[in-house]
């Protein structure tokens, strides 16, 4: 269980880090060509990342 929790947290943080790095280095071209579609995509990835982090923390704390 501990491995799953740590892996989940690492993946969640990595997803956020990936999008932040791409945004700050202006590598998300779709923001100009298809802004609505990419914003929904990024929002879905942020929700997924948040759930991974919270789920990993919950596993580490052995919450139901």
PDB file of N, CA and C in Angstrom:
ATOM      1  N   UNK A   1       0.816  -1.204   0.000  1.00  0.00           N
ATOM      2  CA  UNK A   1       0.000   0.000   0.000  1.00  0.00           C
ATOM      3  C   UNK A   1       0.856   1.264   0.000  1.00  0.00           C
ATOM      4  N   UNK A   2       1.969   1.213   0.722  1.00  0.00           N
ATOM      5  CA  UNK A   2       2.806   2.393   0.830  1.00  0.00           C
ATOM      6  C   UNK A   2       3.383   2.784  -0.535  1.00  0.00           C
ATOM      7  N   UNK A   3       3.800   1.781  -1.322  1.00  0.00           N
ATOM      8  CA  UNK A   3       4.332   2.069  -2.653  1.00  0.00           C
ATOM      9  C   UNK A   3       3.277   2.730  -3.521  1.00  0.00           C
ATOM     10  N   UNK A   4       2.049   2.222  -3.481  1.00  0.00           N
ATOM     11  CA  UNK A   4       0.960   2.793  -4.274  1.00  0.00           C
ATOM     12  C   UNK A   4       0.687   4.238  -3.883  1.00  0.00           C
ATOM     13  N   UNK A   5       0.724   4.514  -2.607  1.00  0.00           N
ATOM     14  CA  UNK A   5       0.464   5.870  -2.124  1.00  0.00           C
ATOM     15  C   UNK A   5       1.551   6.829  -2.591  1.00  0.00           C
ATOM     16  N   UNK A   6       2.790   6.428  -2.440  1.00  0.00           N
ATOM     17  CA  UNK A   6       3.898   7.297  -2.839  1.00  0.00           C
ATOM     18  C   UNK A   6       3.907   7.492  -4.350  1.00  0.00           C
ATOM     19  N   UNK A   7       3.675   6.423  -5.090  1.00  0.00           N
ATOM     20  CA  UNK A   7       3.624   6.515  -6.548  1.00  0.00           C
ATOM     21  C   UNK A   7       2.511   7.458  -6.989  1.00  0.00           C
ATOM     22  N   UNK A   8       1.362   7.356  -6.353  1.00  0.00           N
ATOM     23  CA  UNK A   8       0.221   8.215  -6.676  1.00  0.00           C
ATOM     24  C   UNK A   8       0.559   9.690  -6.445  1.00  0.00           C
ATOM     25  N   UNK A   9       1.194   9.987  -5.340  1.00  0.00           N
ATOM     26  CA  UNK A   9       1.573  11.371  -5.033  1.00  0.00           C
ATOM     27  C   UNK A   9       2.603  11.877  -6.036  1.00  0.00           C
ATOM     28  N   UNK A  10       3.582  11.050  -6.373  1.00  0.00           N
ATOM     29  CA  UNK A  10       4.615  11.457  -7.323  1.00  0.00           C
ATOM     30  C   UNK A  10       4.018  11.736  -8.696  1.00  0.00           C
ATOM     31  N   UNK A  11       3.110  10.885  -9.148  1.00  0.00           N
ATOM     32  CA  UNK A  11       2.480  11.096 -10.450  1.00  0.00           C
ATOM     33  C   UNK A  11       1.639  12.376 -10.442  1.00  0.00           C
ATOM     34  N   UNK A  12       0.888  12.606  -9.370  1.00  0.00           N
ATOM     35  CA  UNK A  12       0.078  13.820  -9.275  1.00  0.00           C
ATOM     36  C   UNK A  12       0.922  15.085  -9.301  1.00  0.00           C
ATOM     37  N   UNK A  13       1.995  15.090  -8.530  1.00  0.00           N
ATOM     38  CA  UNK A  13       2.890  16.249  -8.516  1.00  0.00           C
ATOM     39  C   UNK A  13       3.571  16.407  -9.880  1.00  0.00           C
ATOM     40  N   UNK A  14       3.928  15.292 -10.490  1.00  0.00           N
ATOM     41  CA  UNK A  14       4.547  15.335 -11.813  1.00  0.00           C
ATOM     42  C   UNK A  14       3.629  15.910 -12.878  1.00  0.00           C
ATOM     43  N   UNK A  15       2.348  15.569 -12.806  1.00  0.00           N
ATOM     44  CA  UNK A  15       1.388  16.117 -13.769  1.00  0.00           C
ATOM     45  C   UNK A  15       1.283  17.633 -13.633  1.00  0.00           C
ATOM     46  N   UNK A  16       1.184  18.102 -12.400  1.00  0.00           N
ATOM     47  CA  UNK A  16       1.112  19.548 -12.173  1.00  0.00           C
ATOM     48  C   UNK A  16       2.401  20.215 -12.637  1.00  0.00           C
ATOM     49  N   UNK A  17       3.531  19.601 -12.310  1.00  0.00           N
ATOM     50  CA  UNK A  17       4.808  20.145 -12.712  1.00  0.00           C
ATOM     51  C   UNK A  17       4.978  20.214 -14.223  1.00  0.00           C
ATOM     52  N   UNK A  18       4.505  19.191 -14.907  1.00  0.00           N
ATOM     53  CA  UNK A  18       4.588  19.165 -16.369  1.00  0.00           C
ATOM     54  C   UNK A  18       3.825  20.325 -16.988  1.00  0.00           C
ATOM     55  N   UNK A  19       2.591  20.527 -16.556  1.00  0.00           N
ATOM     56  CA  UNK A  19       1.777  21.594 -17.137  1.00  0.00           C
ATOM     57  C   UNK A  19       2.297  22.970 -16.746  1.00  0.00           C
ATOM     58  N   UNK A  20       2.781  23.120 -15.519  1.00  0.00           N
ATOM     59  CA  UNK A  20       3.332  24.411 -15.109  1.00  0.00           C
ATOM     60  C   UNK A  20       4.590  24.751 -15.915  1.00  0.00           C
ATOM     61  N   UNK A  21       5.449  23.761 -16.110  1.00  0.00           N
ATOM     62  CA  UNK A  21       6.664  23.982 -16.897  1.00  0.00           C
ATOM     63  C   UNK A  21       6.318  24.326 -18.341  1.00  0.00           C
ATOM     64  N   UNK A  22       5.386  23.587 -18.913  1.00  0.00           N
ATOM     65  CA  UNK A  22       4.981  23.858 -20.299  1.00  0.00           C
ATOM     66  C   UNK A  22       4.363  25.243 -20.436  1.00  0.00           C
ATOM     67  N   UNK A  23       3.552  25.630 -19.462  1.00  0.00           N
ATOM     68  CA  UNK A  23       2.912  26.944 -19.517  1.00  0.00           C
ATOM     69  C   UNK A  23       3.933  28.072 -19.356  1.00  0.00           C
ATOM     70  N   UNK A  24       4.806  27.937 -18.377  1.00  0.00           N
ATOM     71  CA  UNK A  24       5.782  28.994 -18.112  1.00  0.00           C
ATOM     72  C   UNK A  24       6.794  29.151 -19.249  1.00  0.00           C
ATOM     73  N   UNK A  25       7.061  28.062 -19.974  1.00  0.00           N
ATOM     74  CA  UNK A  25       7.991  28.161 -21.103  1.00  0.00           C
ATOM     75  C   UNK A  25       7.268  28.409 -22.423  1.00  0.00           C
ATOM     76  N   UNK A  26       5.960  28.683 -22.324  1.00  0.00           N
ATOM     77  CA  UNK A  26       5.116  29.035 -23.482  1.00  0.00           C
ATOM     78  C   UNK A  26       5.147  27.975 -24.576  1.00  0.00           C
ATOM     79  N   UNK A  27       5.047  26.714 -24.183  1.00  0.00           N
ATOM     80  CA  UNK A  27       5.069  25.607 -25.125  1.00  0.00           C
ATOM     81  C   UNK A  27       3.689  25.034 -25.403  1.00  0.00           C
ATOM     82  N   UNK A  28       2.644  25.647 -24.879  1.00  0.00           N
ATOM     83  CA  UNK A  28       1.284  25.155 -25.125  1.00  0.00           C
ATOM     84  C   UNK A  28       0.699  26.002 -26.250  1.00  0.00           C
ATOM     85  N   UNK A  29       0.960  25.583 -27.469  1.00  0.00           N
ATOM     86  CA  UNK A  29       0.533  26.337 -28.652  1.00  0.00           C
ATOM     87  C   UNK A  29      -0.990  26.379 -28.759  1.00  0.00           C
ATOM     88  N   UNK A  30      -1.640  25.345 -28.264  1.00  0.00           N
ATOM     89  CA  UNK A  30      -3.093  25.263 -28.352  1.00  0.00           C
ATOM     90  C   UNK A  30      -3.811  26.388 -27.616  1.00  0.00           C
ATOM     91  N   UNK A  31      -3.114  27.074 -26.715  1.00  0.00           N
ATOM     92  CA  UNK A  31      -3.745  28.201 -26.027  1.00  0.00           C
ATOM     93  C   UNK A  31      -4.145  29.294 -27.009  1.00  0.00           C
ATOM     94  N   UNK A  32      -3.468  29.357 -28.156  1.00  0.00           N
ATOM     95  CA  UNK A  32      -3.818  30.340 -29.179  1.00  0.00           C
ATOM     96  C   UNK A  32      -4.720  29.753 -30.255  1.00  0.00           C
ATOM     97  N   UNK A  33      -4.536  28.485 -30.589  1.00  0.00           N
ATOM     98  CA  UNK A  33      -5.307  27.885 -31.681  1.00  0.00           C
ATOM     99  C   UNK A  33      -6.635  27.298 -31.222  1.00  0.00           C
ATOM    100  N   UNK A  34      -6.644  26.625 -30.069  1.00  0.00           N
ATOM    101  CA  UNK A  34      -7.857  25.997 -29.531  1.00  0.00           C
ATOM    102  C   UNK A  34      -7.928  26.222 -28.018  1.00  0.00           C
ATOM    103  N   UNK A  35      -8.148  27.454 -27.599  1.00  0.00           N
ATOM    104  CA  UNK A  35      -8.041  27.758 -26.162  1.00  0.00           C
ATOM    105  C   UNK A  35      -9.060  27.036 -25.281  1.00  0.00           C
ATOM    106  N   UNK A  36     -10.288  26.915 -25.728  1.00  0.00           N
ATOM    107  CA  UNK A  36     -11.310  26.290 -24.878  1.00  0.00           C
ATOM    108  C   UNK A  36     -11.017  24.814 -24.684  1.00  0.00           C
ATOM    109  N   UNK A  37     -10.677  24.134 -25.766  1.00  0.00           N
ATOM    110  CA  UNK A  37     -10.405  22.701 -25.679  1.00  0.00           C
ATOM    111  C   UNK A  37      -9.221  22.415 -24.760  1.00  0.00           C
ATOM    112  N   UNK A  38      -8.128  23.160 -24.904  1.00  0.00           N
ATOM    113  CA  UNK A  38      -6.946  22.893 -24.085  1.00  0.00           C
ATOM    114  C   UNK A  38      -7.172  23.296 -22.625  1.00  0.00           C
ATOM    115  N   UNK A  39      -7.963  24.335 -22.389  1.00  0.00           N
ATOM    116  CA  UNK A  39      -8.246  24.717 -21.000  1.00  0.00           C
ATOM    117  C   UNK A  39      -9.067  23.647 -20.288  1.00  0.00           C
ATOM    118  N   UNK A  40     -10.036  23.057 -20.999  1.00  0.00           N
ATOM    119  CA  UNK A  40     -10.790  21.947 -20.403  1.00  0.00           C
ATOM    120  C   UNK A  40      -9.878  20.742 -20.167  1.00  0.00           C
ATOM    121  N   UNK A  41      -8.977  20.488 -21.105  1.00  0.00           N
ATOM    122  CA  UNK A  41      -8.045  19.380 -20.961  1.00  0.00           C
ATOM    123  C   UNK A  41      -7.131  19.590 -19.746  1.00  0.00           C
ATOM    124  N   UNK A  42      -6.588  20.793 -19.630  1.00  0.00           N
ATOM    125  CA  UNK A  42      -5.702  21.092 -18.502  1.00  0.00           C
ATOM    126  C   UNK A  42      -6.470  21.041 -17.181  1.00  0.00           C
ATOM    127  N   UNK A  43      -7.704  21.535 -17.181  1.00  0.00           N
ATOM    128  CA  UNK A  43      -8.522  21.482 -15.961  1.00  0.00           C
ATOM    129  C   UNK A  43      -8.775  20.031 -15.546  1.00  0.00           C
ATOM    130  N   UNK A  44      -9.067  19.165 -16.517  1.00  0.00           N
ATOM    131  CA  UNK A  44      -9.291  17.752 -16.206  1.00  0.00           C
ATOM    132  C   UNK A  44      -8.024  17.105 -15.656  1.00  0.00           C
ATOM    133  N   UNK A  45      -6.876  17.471 -16.210  1.00  0.00           N
ATOM    134  CA  UNK A  45      -5.618  16.919 -15.711  1.00  0.00           C
ATOM    135  C   UNK A  45      -5.305  17.424 -14.305  1.00  0.00           C
ATOM    136  N   UNK A  46      -5.652  18.681 -14.012  1.00  0.00           N
ATOM    137  CA  UNK A  46      -5.415  19.220 -12.669  1.00  0.00           C
ATOM    138  C   UNK A  46      -6.308  18.519 -11.648  1.00  0.00           C
ATOM    139  N   UNK A  47      -7.560  18.255 -12.015  1.00  0.00           N
ATOM    140  CA  UNK A  47      -8.463  17.529 -11.108  1.00  0.00           C
ATOM    141  C   UNK A  47      -7.934  16.119 -10.871  1.00  0.00           C
ATOM    142  N   UNK A  48      -7.461  15.468 -11.940  1.00  0.00           N
ATOM    143  CA  UNK A  48      -6.883  14.129 -11.809  1.00  0.00           C
ATOM    144  C   UNK A  48      -5.664  14.155 -10.894  1.00  0.00           C
ATOM    145  N   UNK A  49      -4.789  15.142 -11.104  1.00  0.00           N
ATOM    146  CA  UNK A  49      -3.582  15.251 -10.278  1.00  0.00           C
ATOM    147  C   UNK A  49      -3.951  15.477  -8.814  1.00  0.00           C
ATOM    148  N   UNK A  50      -4.913  16.339  -8.568  1.00  0.00           N
ATOM    149  CA  UNK A  50      -5.347  16.605  -7.194  1.00  0.00           C
ATOM    150  C   UNK A  50      -5.909  15.336  -6.548  1.00  0.00           C
ATOM    151  N   UNK A  51      -6.703  14.585  -7.290  1.00  0.00           N
ATOM    152  CA  UNK A  51      -7.255  13.332  -6.758  1.00  0.00           C
ATOM    153  C   UNK A  51      -6.154  12.318  -6.469  1.00  0.00           C
ATOM    154  N   UNK A  52      -5.139  12.256  -7.341  1.00  0.00           N
ATOM    155  CA  UNK A  52      -4.017  11.351  -7.095  1.00  0.00           C
ATOM    156  C   UNK A  52      -3.271  11.730  -5.816  1.00  0.00           C
ATOM    157  N   UNK A  53      -3.030  13.015  -5.641  1.00  0.00           N
ATOM    158  CA  UNK A  53      -2.305  13.476  -4.448  1.00  0.00           C
ATOM    159  C   UNK A  53      -3.125  13.213  -3.189  1.00  0.00           C
ATOM    160  N   UNK A  54      -4.385  13.589  -3.218  1.00  0.00           N
ATOM    161  CA  UNK A  54      -5.238  13.376  -2.044  1.00  0.00           C
ATOM    162  C   UNK A  54      -5.441  11.885  -1.759  1.00  0.00           C
ATOM    163  N   UNK A  55      -5.589  11.088  -2.801  1.00  0.00           N
ATOM    164  CA  UNK A  55      -5.732   9.651  -2.607  1.00  0.00           C
ATOM    165  C   UNK A  55      -4.474   9.035  -2.017  1.00  0.00           C
ATOM    166  N   UNK A  56      -3.315   9.483  -2.496  1.00  0.00           N
ATOM    167  CA  UNK A  56      -2.061   8.990  -1.939  1.00  0.00           C
ATOM    168  C   UNK A  56      -1.887   9.361  -0.484  1.00  0.00           C
ATOM    169  N   UNK A  57      -2.242  10.587  -0.153  1.00  0.00           N
ATOM    170  CA  UNK A  57      -2.160  11.025   1.243  1.00  0.00           C
ATOM    171  C   UNK A  57      -3.136  10.224   2.100  1.00  0.00           C
ATOM    172  N   UNK A  58      -4.323  10.010   1.571  1.00  0.00           N
ATOM    173  CA  UNK A  58      -5.307   9.209   2.301  1.00  0.00           C
ATOM    174  C   UNK A  58      -4.813   7.781   2.555  1.00  0.00           C
ATOM    175  N   UNK A  59      -4.136   7.199   1.550  1.00  0.00           N
ATOM    176  CA  UNK A  59      -3.591   5.859   1.752  1.00  0.00           C
ATOM    177  C   UNK A  59      -2.498   5.864   2.818  1.00  0.00           C
ATOM    178  N   UNK A  60      -1.641   6.866   2.783  1.00  0.00           N
ATOM    179  CA  UNK A  60      -0.577   6.929   3.789  1.00  0.00           C
ATOM    180  C   UNK A  60      -1.123   7.094   5.195  1.00  0.00           C
ATOM    181  N   UNK A  61      -2.211   7.864   5.305  1.00  0.00           N
ATOM    182  CA  UNK A  61      -2.816   8.083   6.630  1.00  0.00           C
ATOM    183  C   UNK A  61      -3.815   7.003   6.999  1.00  0.00           C
ATOM    184  N   UNK A  62      -4.016   6.043   6.101  1.00  0.00           N
ATOM    185  CA  UNK A  62      -4.956   4.923   6.293  1.00  0.00           C
ATOM    186  C   UNK A  62      -6.372   5.407   6.579  1.00  0.00           C
ATOM    187  N   UNK A  63      -6.788   6.414   5.815  1.00  0.00           N
ATOM    188  CA  UNK A  63      -8.158   6.904   5.946  1.00  0.00           C
ATOM    189  C   UNK A  63      -9.083   6.043   5.098  1.00  0.00           C
ATOM    190  N   UNK A  64     -10.343   5.881   5.513  1.00  0.00           N
ATOM    191  CA  UNK A  64     -11.268   5.045   4.738  1.00  0.00           C
ATOM    192  C   UNK A  64     -11.656   5.708   3.418  1.00  0.00           C
TER     193      UNK A  64
END
